[in-house]
C-alpha atoms as a PDB file:
ATOM      1  CA  MET A   1      40.634  16.714  17.505  1.00  0.00           C
ATOM      2  CA  GLY A   2      41.984  20.256  17.187  1.00  0.00           C
ATOM      3  CA  PRO A   3      40.382  23.076  15.183  1.00  0.00           C
ATOM      4  CA  GLU A   4      42.869  22.796  12.303  1.00  0.00           C
ATOM      5  CA  GLN A   5      42.168  19.087  11.762  1.00  0.00           C
ATOM      6  CA  HIS A   6      38.433  19.677  12.115  1.00  0.00           C
ATOM      7  CA  ALA A   7      38.507  22.539   9.585  1.00  0.00           C
ATOM      8  CA  MET A   8      40.398  20.389   7.069  1.00  0.00           C
ATOM      9  CA  LEU A   9      37.906  17.531   7.409  1.00  0.00           C
ATOM     10  CA  VAL A  10      34.971  19.919   6.926  1.00  0.00           C
ATOM     11  CA  SER A  11      36.617  21.505   3.874  1.00  0.00           C
ATOM     12  CA  ILE A  12      37.455  18.190   2.204  1.00  0.00           C
ATOM     13  CA  ALA A  13      34.004  16.777   2.972  1.00  0.00           C
ATOM     14  CA  ARG A  14      32.326  19.834   1.464  1.00  0.00           C
ATOM     15  CA  ARG A  15      34.448  19.596  -1.680  1.00  0.00           C
ATOM     16  CA  HIS A  16      33.654  15.924  -2.164  1.00  0.00           C
ATOM     17  CA  TYR A  17      30.037  15.531  -1.020  1.00  0.00           C
ATOM     18  CA  LEU A  18      28.581  18.960  -1.841  1.00  0.00           C
ATOM     19  CA  ASP A  19      30.723  20.195  -4.739  1.00  0.00           C
ATOM     20  CA  GLY A  20      31.146  16.751  -6.307  1.00  0.00           C
ATOM     21  CA  VAL A  21      34.934  17.015  -6.614  1.00  0.00           C
ATOM     22  CA  SER A  22      36.673  13.645  -6.973  1.00  0.00           C
ATOM     23  CA  LYS A  23      39.180  12.298  -4.457  1.00  0.00           C
ATOM     24  CA  VAL A  24      41.914  12.524  -7.099  1.00  0.00           C
ATOM     25  CA  ASP A  25      41.266  16.237  -7.730  1.00  0.00           C
ATOM     26  CA  ILE A  26      41.071  17.005  -4.006  1.00  0.00           C
ATOM     27  CA  ALA A  27      44.397  15.229  -3.559  1.00  0.00           C
ATOM     28  CA  LYS A  28      45.954  17.475  -6.229  1.00  0.00           C
ATOM     29  CA  GLU A  29      44.511  20.590  -4.571  1.00  0.00           C
ATOM     30  CA  ARG A  30      45.890  19.590  -1.178  1.00  0.00           C
ATOM     31  CA  GLY A  31      49.156  18.066  -2.301  1.00  0.00           C
ATOM     32  CA  ILE A  32      48.377  14.736  -0.665  1.00  0.00           C
ATOM     33  CA  SER A  33      47.599  11.234  -1.960  1.00  0.00           C
ATOM     34  CA  ARG A  34      44.085  10.167  -2.922  1.00  0.00           C
ATOM     35  CA  TYR A  35      44.391   7.409  -0.335  1.00  0.00           C
ATOM     36  CA  LYS A  36      44.937  10.076   2.329  1.00  0.00           C
ATOM     37  CA  VAL A  37      41.825  11.885   1.067  1.00  0.00           C
ATOM     38  CA  GLY A  38      39.867   8.637   1.372  1.00  0.00           C
ATOM     39  CA  ARG A  39      41.034   8.152   4.965  1.00  0.00           C
ATOM     40  CA  LEU A  40      40.125  11.733   5.854  1.00  0.00           C
ATOM     41  CA  LEU A  41      36.630  11.335   4.378  1.00  0.00           C
ATOM     42  CA  GLN A  42      36.184   8.144   6.399  1.00  0.00           C
ATOM     43  CA  THR A  43      37.287  10.021   9.532  1.00  0.00           C
ATOM     44  CA  ALA A  44      34.700  12.713   8.775  1.00  0.00           C
ATOM     45  CA  LEU A  45      32.045   9.987   8.684  1.00  0.00           C
ATOM     46  CA  ASP A  46      33.326   8.293  11.844  1.00  0.00           C
ATOM     47  CA  GLU A  47      33.416  11.583  13.773  1.00  0.00           C
ATOM     48  CA  GLY A  48      29.899  12.556  12.740  1.00  0.00           C
ATOM     49  CA  ILE A  49      31.051  15.540  10.695  1.00  0.00           C
ATOM     50  CA  VAL A  50      29.348  13.950   7.697  1.00  0.00           C
ATOM     51  CA  ARG A  51      26.036  12.131   7.997  1.00  0.00           C
ATOM     52  CA  ILE A  52      24.633  10.242   5.038  1.00  0.00           C
ATOM     53  CA  GLU A  53      20.851   9.951   4.967  1.00  0.00           C
ATOM     54  CA  ILE A  54      18.989   7.787   2.459  1.00  0.00           C
ATOM     55  CA  GLN A  55      15.421   8.898   1.811  1.00  0.00           C
ATOM     56  CA  ALA A  56      13.665   5.722   0.688  1.00  0.00           C
ATOM     57  CA  ARG A  57      10.152   5.960  -0.718  1.00  0.00           C
ATOM     58  CA  GLY A  58       7.488   4.829   1.726  1.00  0.00           C
ATOM     59  CA  GLY A  59       5.327   1.748   1.285  1.00  0.00           C
ATOM     60  CA  ILE A  60       8.195  -0.723   0.758  1.00  0.00           C
ATOM     61  CA  ASP A  61      10.563  -2.341   3.248  1.00  0.00           C
ATOM     62  CA  TYR A  62      13.786  -2.143   1.240  1.00  0.00           C
ATOM     63  CA  GLU A  63      15.897  -4.129   3.701  1.00  0.00           C
ATOM     64  CA  LEU A  64      13.516  -7.097   3.620  1.00  0.00           C
ATOM     65  CA  SER A  65      13.194  -6.733  -0.143  1.00  0.00           C
ATOM     66  CA  GLU A  66      16.931  -6.953  -0.732  1.00  0.00           C
ATOM     67  CA  ALA A  67      17.349  -9.888   1.663  1.00  0.00           C
ATOM     68  CA  LEU A  68      14.577 -11.746  -0.173  1.00  0.00           C
ATOM     69  CA  ARG A  69      16.110 -10.993  -3.565  1.00  0.00           C
ATOM     70  CA  VAL A  70      19.488 -12.320  -2.446  1.00  0.00           C
ATOM     71  CA  LYS A  71      18.112 -15.472  -0.790  1.00  0.00           C
ATOM     72  CA  TYR A  72      16.312 -16.665  -3.917  1.00  0.00           C
ATOM     73  CA  GLY A  73      18.633 -15.138  -6.512  1.00  0.00           C
ATOM     74  CA  LEU A  74      15.824 -13.032  -7.966  1.00  0.00           C
ATOM     75  CA  ARG A  75      15.960 -10.226 -10.481  1.00  0.00           C
ATOM     76  CA  ARG A  76      13.957  -8.095  -8.059  1.00  0.00           C
ATOM     77  CA  ALA A  77      11.915  -8.447  -4.867  1.00  0.00           C
ATOM     78  CA  LEU A  78       9.635  -5.844  -3.304  1.00  0.00           C
ATOM     79  CA  ALA A  79       8.054  -6.269   0.141  1.00  0.00           C
ATOM     80  CA  ALA A  80       5.037  -3.977   0.471  1.00  0.00           C
ATOM     81  CA  GLU A  81       4.213  -2.534   3.880  1.00  0.00           C
ATOM     82  CA  THR A  82       0.604  -3.421   4.702  1.00  0.00           C
ATOM     83  CA  PRO A  83      -1.460  -2.709   7.853  1.00  0.00           C
ATOM     84  CA  ASP A  84      -1.907  -6.406   8.613  1.00  0.00           C
ATOM     85  CA  GLU A  85      -1.792  -9.858   7.005  1.00  0.00           C
ATOM     86  CA  VAL A  86      -5.436  -9.790   5.964  1.00  0.00           C
ATOM     87  CA  HIS A  87      -5.584  -6.649   3.842  1.00  0.00           C
ATOM     88  CA  VAL A  88      -2.501  -7.293   1.714  1.00  0.00           C
ATOM     89  CA  HIS A  89      -3.967  -7.274  -1.794  1.00  0.00           C
ATOM     90  CA  HIS A  90      -4.284  -3.498  -2.071  1.00  0.00           C
ATOM     91  CA  GLY A  91      -0.742  -2.821  -0.850  1.00  0.00           C
ATOM     92  CA  ILE A  92       0.862  -5.451  -3.071  1.00  0.00           C
ATOM     93  CA  GLY A  93      -1.248  -4.311  -6.016  1.00  0.00           C
ATOM     94  CA  GLN A  94      -0.210  -0.700  -5.472  1.00  0.00           C
ATOM     95  CA  VAL A  95       3.504  -1.540  -5.492  1.00  0.00           C
ATOM     96  CA  ALA A  96       3.091  -3.859  -8.491  1.00  0.00           C
ATOM     97  CA  SER A  97       1.189  -1.235 -10.501  1.00  0.00           C
ATOM     98  CA  ALA A  98       3.931   1.323  -9.836  1.00  0.00           C
ATOM     99  CA  LEU A  99       6.534  -1.250 -10.873  1.00  0.00           C
ATOM    100  CA  LEU A 100       4.748  -2.005 -14.151  1.00  0.00           C
ATOM    101  CA  SER A 101       4.431   1.709 -14.923  1.00  0.00           C
ATOM    102  CA  GLU A 102       8.181   2.011 -14.385  1.00  0.00           C
ATOM    103  CA  ILE A 103       9.471  -0.973 -16.363  1.00  0.00           C
ATOM    104  CA  VAL A 104       7.037  -1.597 -19.244  1.00  0.00           C
ATOM    105  CA  THR A 105       8.013  -0.052 -22.582  1.00  0.00           C
ATOM    106  CA  ARG A 106       6.383   0.189 -26.010  1.00  0.00           C
ATOM    107  CA  ASP A 107       8.542  -2.696 -27.170  1.00  0.00           C
ATOM    108  CA  ASP A 108       7.160  -5.084 -24.550  1.00  0.00           C
ATOM    109  CA  VAL A 109       4.443  -7.706 -24.761  1.00  0.00           C
ATOM    110  CA  LEU A 110       2.785  -8.148 -21.362  1.00  0.00           C
ATOM    111  CA  GLY A 111       1.363 -11.474 -20.189  1.00  0.00           C
ATOM    112  CA  VAL A 112      -1.265 -11.540 -17.443  1.00  0.00           C
ATOM    113  CA  ASP A 113      -2.568 -14.254 -15.100  1.00  0.00           C
ATOM    114  CA  CYS A 114      -5.654 -14.041 -12.846  1.00  0.00           C
ATOM    115  CA  GLY A 115      -6.401 -13.464  -9.155  1.00  0.00           C
ATOM    116  CA  ARG A 116      -7.392 -10.896  -6.527  1.00  0.00           C
ATOM    117  CA  THR A 117      -3.963  -9.295  -6.218  1.00  0.00           C
ATOM    118  CA  LEU A 118      -3.513  -8.931  -9.972  1.00  0.00           C
ATOM    119  CA  ALA A 119      -7.001  -7.432 -10.195  1.00  0.00           C
ATOM    120  CA  SER A 120      -6.010  -4.912  -7.512  1.00  0.00           C
ATOM    121  CA  MET A 121      -2.843  -4.104  -9.455  1.00  0.00           C
ATOM    122  CA  ALA A 122      -4.829  -3.485 -12.643  1.00  0.00           C
ATOM    123  CA  ARG A 123      -7.334  -1.223 -10.866  1.00  0.00           C
ATOM    124  CA  GLN A 124      -4.493   0.906  -9.482  1.00  0.00           C
ATOM    125  CA  LEU A 125      -2.712   1.368 -12.813  1.00  0.00           C
ATOM    126  CA  HIS A 126      -2.879   5.040 -13.782  1.00  0.00           C
ATOM    127  CA  SER A 127      -0.420   5.037 -16.661  1.00  0.00           C
ATOM    128  CA  LEU A 128       1.315   2.388 -18.727  1.00  0.00           C
ATOM    129  CA  GLU A 129       3.192   2.498 -22.011  1.00  0.00           C
ATOM    130  CA  ARG A 130       1.129   1.279 -24.935  1.00  0.00           C
ATOM    131  CA  CYS A 131       1.923  -2.394 -25.571  1.00  0.00           C
ATOM    132  CA  ASP A 132       0.130  -5.633 -26.404  1.00  0.00           C
ATOM    133  CA  VAL A 133      -1.485  -7.441 -23.459  1.00  0.00           C
ATOM    134  CA  VAL A 134      -1.856 -11.229 -23.620  1.00  0.00           C
ATOM    135  CA  GLN A 135      -3.905 -13.512 -21.391  1.00  0.00           C
ATOM    136  CA  LEU A 136      -1.702 -16.278 -19.947  1.00  0.00           C
ATOM    137  CA  THR A 137      -4.471 -18.608 -18.794  1.00  0.00           C
ATOM    138  CA  GLY A 138      -8.115 -19.376 -19.293  1.00  0.00           C
ATOM    139  CA  MET A 139     -10.763 -17.854 -17.068  1.00  0.00           C
ATOM    140  CA  ALA A 140     -11.022 -18.664 -13.359  1.00  0.00           C
ATOM    141  CA  GLY A 141     -12.166 -16.815 -10.268  1.00  0.00           C
ATOM    142  CA  VAL A 142     -14.995 -14.404  -9.627  1.00  0.00           C
ATOM    143  CA  ILE A 143     -16.089 -11.700 -12.053  1.00  0.00           C
ATOM    144  CA  GLY A 144     -13.550  -8.885 -12.051  1.00  0.00           C
ATOM    145  CA  GLN A 145     -10.655 -11.155 -11.076  1.00  0.00           C
ATOM    146  CA  THR A 146     -10.386 -13.389 -14.150  1.00  0.00           C
ATOM    147  CA  ALA A 147      -7.443 -13.023 -16.514  1.00  0.00           C
ATOM    148  CA  THR A 148      -9.880 -11.786 -19.168  1.00  0.00           C
ATOM    149  CA  ASP A 149     -11.087  -8.979 -16.888  1.00  0.00           C
ATOM    150  CA  ILE A 150      -7.548  -8.021 -15.896  1.00  0.00           C
ATOM    151  CA  THR A 151      -6.191  -7.900 -19.455  1.00  0.00           C
ATOM    152  CA  ARG A 152      -9.168  -5.753 -20.461  1.00  0.00           C
ATOM    153  CA  VAL A 153      -8.607  -3.265 -17.615  1.00  0.00           C
ATOM    154  CA  ILE A 154      -4.892  -2.984 -18.415  1.00  0.00           C
ATOM    155  CA  SER A 155      -5.535  -2.465 -22.132  1.00  0.00           C
ATOM    156  CA  GLU A 156      -8.061   0.263 -21.292  1.00  0.00           C
ATOM    157  CA  VAL A 157      -5.324   2.083 -19.383  1.00  0.00           C
ATOM    158  CA  ASN A 158      -2.592   1.810 -22.013  1.00  0.00           C
ATOM    159  CA  GLY A 159      -4.592   1.528 -25.235  1.00  0.00           C
ATOM    160  CA  GLY A 160      -2.723  -1.577 -26.327  1.00  0.00           C
ATOM    161  CA  ARG A 161      -4.089  -4.521 -28.268  1.00  0.00           C
ATOM    162  CA  VAL A 162      -5.506  -7.281 -26.103  1.00  0.00           C
ATOM    163  CA  PHE A 163      -5.325 -11.013 -26.809  1.00  0.00           C
ATOM    164  CA  PRO A 164      -7.938 -12.689 -24.589  1.00  0.00           C
ATOM    165  CA  ILE A 165      -8.727 -16.351 -24.027  1.00  0.00           C
ATOM    166  CA  TYR A 166     -12.464 -16.911 -23.729  1.00  0.00           C
ATOM    167  CA  ALA A 167     -12.167 -20.404 -22.306  1.00  0.00           C
ATOM    168  CA  PRO A 168     -12.072 -22.049 -18.874  1.00  0.00           C
ATOM    169  CA  TYR A 169      -8.887 -22.397 -16.822  1.00  0.00           C
ATOM    170  CA  ILE A 170      -9.350 -26.183 -16.637  1.00  0.00           C
ATOM    171  CA  VAL A 171     -11.688 -28.284 -18.805  1.00  0.00           C
ATOM    172  CA  PRO A 172     -13.160 -31.750 -18.090  1.00  0.00           C
ATOM    173  CA  ASP A 173     -11.170 -33.780 -20.625  1.00  0.00           C
ATOM    174  CA  VAL A 174      -8.243 -33.787 -23.041  1.00  0.00           C
ATOM    175  CA  HIS A 175     -10.394 -33.702 -26.191  1.00  0.00           C
ATOM    176  CA  THR A 176     -12.176 -30.514 -25.087  1.00  0.00           C
ATOM    177  CA  ALA A 177      -8.842 -28.894 -24.266  1.00  0.00           C
ATOM    178  CA  GLN A 178      -7.386 -29.762 -27.668  1.00  0.00           C
ATOM    179  CA  THR A 179     -10.486 -28.461 -29.442  1.00  0.00           C
ATOM    180  CA  LEU A 180     -10.348 -25.155 -27.560  1.00  0.00           C
ATOM    181  CA  ARG A 181      -6.614 -24.693 -28.128  1.00  0.00           C
ATOM    182  CA  ASN A 182      -7.206 -25.081 -31.869  1.00  0.00           C
ATOM    183  CA  HIS A 183      -9.939 -22.433 -31.928  1.00  0.00           C
ATOM    184  CA  PRO A 184      -8.626 -19.512 -34.044  1.00  0.00           C
ATOM    185  CA  ALA A 185      -9.274 -16.855 -31.370  1.00  0.00           C
ATOM    186  CA  ILE A 186      -7.573 -18.863 -28.620  1.00  0.00           C
ATOM    187  CA  ARG A 187      -4.792 -19.965 -30.928  1.00  0.00           C
ATOM    188  CA  SER A 188      -4.010 -16.327 -31.810  1.00  0.00           C
ATOM    189  CA  ALA A 189      -3.447 -15.555 -28.124  1.00  0.00           C
ATOM    190  CA  MET A 190      -1.366 -18.672 -27.478  1.00  0.00           C
ATOM    191  CA  ASN A 191       0.743 -18.023 -30.578  1.00  0.00           C
ATOM    192  CA  TYR A 192       1.767 -14.771 -28.894  1.00  0.00           C
ATOM    193  CA  TYR A 193       3.330 -16.537 -25.893  1.00  0.00           C
ATOM    194  CA  PRO A 194       6.853 -16.695 -27.414  1.00  0.00           C
ATOM    195  CA  LYS A 195       6.708 -12.917 -27.921  1.00  0.00           C
ATOM    196  CA  ILE A 196       5.916 -12.085 -24.277  1.00  0.00           C
ATOM    197  CA  THR A 197       8.723 -10.129 -22.605  1.00  0.00           C
ATOM    198  CA  LYS A 198       7.149  -9.384 -19.221  1.00  0.00           C
ATOM    199  CA  ALA A 199       4.479 -11.233 -17.257  1.00  0.00           C
ATOM    200  CA  CYS A 200       2.554 -10.904 -14.009  1.00  0.00           C
ATOM    201  CA  VAL A 201       1.412 -14.129 -12.351  1.00  0.00           C
ATOM    202  CA  ALA A 202      -0.301 -15.182  -9.142  1.00  0.00           C
ATOM    203  CA  ILE A 203       0.781 -17.909  -6.724  1.00  0.00           C
ATOM    204  CA  GLY A 204      -1.818 -20.168  -5.157  1.00  0.00           C
ATOM    205  CA  ALA A 205      -1.385 -22.475  -2.177  1.00  0.00           C
ATOM    206  CA  TRP A 206      -2.871 -25.947  -2.547  1.00  0.00           C
ATOM    207  CA  THR A 207      -6.087 -25.309  -0.609  1.00  0.00           C
ATOM    208  CA  PRO A 208      -9.612 -24.526  -1.853  1.00  0.00           C
ATOM    209  CA  GLU A 209      -9.466 -21.011  -0.387  1.00  0.00           C
ATOM    210  CA  LEU A 210      -6.034 -19.981  -1.656  1.00  0.00           C
ATOM    211  CA  SER A 211      -5.964 -21.383  -5.191  1.00  0.00           C
ATOM    212  CA  GLN A 212      -7.810 -20.530  -8.396  1.00  0.00           C
ATOM    213  CA  MET A 213      -7.178 -24.057  -9.657  1.00  0.00           C
ATOM    214  CA  TYR A 214      -8.053 -26.266  -6.679  1.00  0.00           C
ATOM    215  CA  PRO A 215     -11.836 -25.548  -6.685  1.00  0.00           C
ATOM    216  CA  LEU A 216     -12.048 -26.442 -10.392  1.00  0.00           C
ATOM    217  CA  LEU A 217     -11.001 -30.044  -9.729  1.00  0.00           C
ATOM    218  CA  ASN A 218     -13.115 -32.732  -8.131  1.00  0.00           C
ATOM    219  CA  SER A 219     -12.122 -33.527  -4.558  1.00  0.00           C
ATOM    220  CA  ALA A 220     -10.539 -36.864  -5.512  1.00  0.00           C
ATOM    221  CA  ASP A 221      -8.220 -35.233  -8.073  1.00  0.00           C
ATOM    222  CA  ALA A 222      -7.306 -32.408  -5.703  1.00  0.00           C
ATOM    223  CA  GLN A 223      -6.481 -34.816  -2.874  1.00  0.00           C
ATOM    224  CA  ARG A 224      -4.547 -37.087  -5.228  1.00  0.00           C
ATOM    225  CA  LEU A 225      -2.358 -34.167  -6.239  1.00  0.00           C
ATOM    226  CA  ALA A 226      -1.786 -33.254  -2.597  1.00  0.00           C
ATOM    227  CA  GLN A 227      -0.652 -36.829  -1.974  1.00  0.00           C
ATOM    228  CA  ARG A 228       1.768 -36.510  -4.899  1.00  0.00           C
ATOM    229  CA  GLY A 229       3.326 -33.518  -3.156  1.00  0.00           C
ATOM    230  CA  VAL A 230       1.663 -30.506  -4.787  1.00  0.00           C
ATOM    231  CA  VAL A 231       1.902 -27.454  -2.512  1.00  0.00           C
ATOM    232  CA  ALA A 232       1.472 -24.604  -4.999  1.00  0.00           C
ATOM    233  CA  GLU A 233       0.344 -23.543  -8.439  1.00  0.00           C
ATOM    234  CA  THR A 234       0.919 -20.634 -10.750  1.00  0.00           C
ATOM    235  CA  CYS A 235      -0.932 -20.317 -14.058  1.00  0.00           C
ATOM    236  CA  ALA A 236      -2.454 -23.745 -13.165  1.00  0.00           C
ATOM    237  CA  LEU A 237       1.050 -25.254 -13.250  1.00  0.00           C
ATOM    238  CA  THR A 238       1.407 -27.376 -10.117  1.00  0.00           C
ATOM    239  CA  VAL A 239       4.613 -27.378  -8.076  1.00  0.00           C
ATOM    240  CA  GLY A 240       6.106 -29.470  -5.261  1.00  0.00           C
ATOM    241  CA  ALA A 241       7.794 -28.167  -2.118  1.00  0.00           C
ATOM    242  CA  ASP A 242      11.274 -28.171  -3.644  1.00  0.00           C
ATOM    243  CA  GLY A 243      10.139 -26.285  -6.739  1.00  0.00           C
ATOM    244  CA  GLN A 244       9.818 -29.378  -8.923  1.00  0.00           C
ATOM    245  CA  ARG A 245       7.021 -29.440 -11.482  1.00  0.00           C
ATOM    246  CA  ILE A 246       4.375 -32.085 -10.820  1.00  0.00           C
ATOM    247  CA  ASP A 247       2.512 -32.756 -14.058  1.00  0.00           C
ATOM    248  CA  ALA A 248      -1.038 -32.913 -12.806  1.00  0.00           C
ATOM    249  CA  VAL A 249      -3.745 -32.004 -15.284  1.00  0.00           C
ATOM    250  CA  ASP A 250      -1.583 -30.201 -17.832  1.00  0.00           C
ATOM    251  CA  GLU A 251      -3.381 -31.850 -20.735  1.00  0.00           C
ATOM    252  CA  ARG A 252      -6.648 -30.268 -19.502  1.00  0.00           C
ATOM    253  CA  ARG A 253      -5.213 -26.775 -18.967  1.00  0.00           C
ATOM    254  CA  ILE A 254      -5.812 -23.820 -21.244  1.00  0.00           C
ATOM    255  CA  GLY A 255      -2.817 -21.557 -20.922  1.00  0.00           C
ATOM    256  CA  VAL A 256       0.918 -21.042 -21.019  1.00  0.00           C
ATOM    257  CA  SER A 257       3.188 -24.075 -20.539  1.00  0.00           C
ATOM    258  CA  ASP A 258       5.948 -24.196 -17.950  1.00  0.00           C
ATOM    259  CA  THR A 259       8.511 -24.262 -20.769  1.00  0.00           C
ATOM    260  CA  ALA A 260       7.057 -21.119 -22.348  1.00  0.00           C
ATOM    261  CA  LEU A 261       6.771 -19.382 -18.969  1.00  0.00           C
ATOM    262  CA  LYS A 262      10.447 -20.042 -18.207  1.00  0.00           C
ATOM    263  CA  LYS A 263      11.425 -18.450 -21.530  1.00  0.00           C
ATOM    264  CA  ILE A 264       9.768 -15.127 -20.653  1.00  0.00           C
ATOM    265  CA  PRO A 265      12.622 -12.782 -19.639  1.00  0.00           C
ATOM    266  CA  ASP A 266      10.807 -11.059 -16.771  1.00  0.00           C
ATOM    267  CA  VAL A 267       8.130 -12.935 -14.785  1.00  0.00           C
ATOM    268  CA  ILE A 268       6.821 -11.115 -11.718  1.00  0.00           C
ATOM    269  CA  ALA A 269       4.865 -13.084  -9.115  1.00  0.00           C
ATOM    270  CA  LEU A 270       2.338 -11.291  -6.919  1.00  0.00           C
ATOM    271  CA  ALA A 271       1.494 -13.127  -3.692  1.00  0.00           C
ATOM    272  CA  GLY A 272       0.840 -12.363  -0.053  1.00  0.00           C
ATOM    273  CA  GLY A 273      -1.136 -13.117   3.066  1.00  0.00           C
ATOM    274  CA  ARG A 274      -1.241 -16.001   5.512  1.00  0.00           C
ATOM    275  CA  GLY A 275      -1.205 -19.570   4.272  1.00  0.00           C
ATOM    276  CA  LYS A 276       1.073 -18.956   1.294  1.00  0.00           C
ATOM    277  CA  THR A 277       4.598 -19.165   2.712  1.00  0.00           C
ATOM    278  CA  ARG A 278       5.279 -22.729   1.577  1.00  0.00           C
ATOM    279  CA  ALA A 279       3.648 -22.114  -1.797  1.00  0.00           C
ATOM    280  CA  VAL A 280       5.624 -18.956  -2.534  1.00  0.00           C
ATOM    281  CA  ASP A 281       8.856 -20.637  -1.434  1.00  0.00           C
ATOM    282  CA  ALA A 282       8.158 -23.513  -3.838  1.00  0.00           C
ATOM    283  CA  VAL A 283       7.370 -21.316  -6.846  1.00  0.00           C
ATOM    284  CA  LEU A 284      10.402 -19.102  -6.227  1.00  0.00           C
ATOM    285  CA  LYS A 285      12.514 -22.271  -6.402  1.00  0.00           C
ATOM    286  CA  SER A 286      10.798 -23.529  -9.565  1.00  0.00           C
ATOM    287  CA  GLY A 287      12.535 -21.272 -12.078  1.00  0.00           C
ATOM    288  CA  MET A 288       9.201 -20.131 -13.508  1.00  0.00           C
ATOM    289  CA  VAL A 289       9.394 -16.646 -11.945  1.00  0.00           C
ATOM    290  CA  ASN A 290      12.333 -14.322 -11.369  1.00  0.00           C
ATOM    291  CA  SER A 291      10.734 -11.450  -9.435  1.00  0.00           C
ATOM    292  CA  ILE A 292       8.207 -11.113  -6.634  1.00  0.00           C
ATOM    293  CA  VAL A 293       6.018  -8.459  -5.057  1.00  0.00           C
ATOM    294  CA  THR A 294       4.785  -9.598  -1.650  1.00  0.00           C
ATOM    295  CA  ASP A 295       3.974  -8.223   1.810  1.00  0.00           C
ATOM    296  CA  THR A 296       6.440  -7.700   4.647  1.00  0.00           C
ATOM    297  CA  PHE A 297       4.856 -10.400   6.829  1.00  0.00           C
ATOM    298  CA  LEU A 298       5.274 -13.100   4.191  1.00  0.00           C
ATOM    299  CA  ALA A 299       8.744 -11.833   3.286  1.00  0.00           C
ATOM    300  CA  ALA A 300       9.822 -12.142   6.926  1.00  0.00           C
ATOM    301  CA  ARG A 301       8.481 -15.699   7.124  1.00  0.00           C
ATOM    302  CA  LEU A 302      10.309 -16.670   3.932  1.00  0.00           C
ATOM    303  CA  LEU A 303      13.547 -15.245   5.294  1.00  0.00           C
ATOM    304  CA  GLY A 304      13.093 -16.857   8.685  1.00  0.00           C
ATOM    305  CA  ASP A 305      12.076 -20.230   7.283  1.00  0.00           C
ATOM    306  CA  ARG A 306       8.989 -20.039   9.462  1.00  0.00           C
ATOM    307  CA  PRO A 307       5.608 -21.605   8.575  1.00  0.00           C
ATOM    308  CA  ASP A 308       2.391 -19.587   8.370  1.00  0.00           C
END
């Protein structure tokens, strides 16, 4: 390439990329077609005269995230970079808290599930638009990780009204469940479900260690559900490997129904760590969530169709 050609490429590239002049206007200035301008700009890129650098924020693998979003047809997917597969809750919670701060508005009603990762998200929230916060399920898990604890922490950050459910996740029988659902305080929270616009939920694998629901059932019930094909649960809604709902103990649940969950416009699942690949795959196929925040290790396994 001679100096004249090089000088023209530099000049056109400067006009377009630095001065913001359109290809059409550059074409008028030069007395050439806009298609010629486009070819010259491409030559400038090919010859290394122009280098485009994208400065992505750290903490997220954007390539994995986009591949995951496309594979499952999600509204959004974010794969948090974590030091290993054991300490994933903090990293996922950090990304999820930043996401909530970005997308929640005063017009929203936020629904919240339970779990370690959601608790980490709530602890790392520094600012959030004032909005109502509604508990999606009854209480399960250790102190600090129940849906009641998480809704309280979030409402303390944003000053919004909180609608708690002071009842267990799963109760022993149908009559108890019906009685609790009809309690005025619990009913006021559940009546808010149709108004929820955004929700954060956890995904549990069907093992005692990786599910909030599994330990609340007797061993016979838990094993019976495994035999029926249950591999995952979210909000105590059990799911099979292909994403199909398996009605397990729905009549004994205190919380949002699968129908109501599917009607929420923006449902973000938080899940990561070893042992959850099959479960996350199932819930992403179920239609109950349309976004996910996970870790890069789990994202890679989901994309590679590899087991844990």
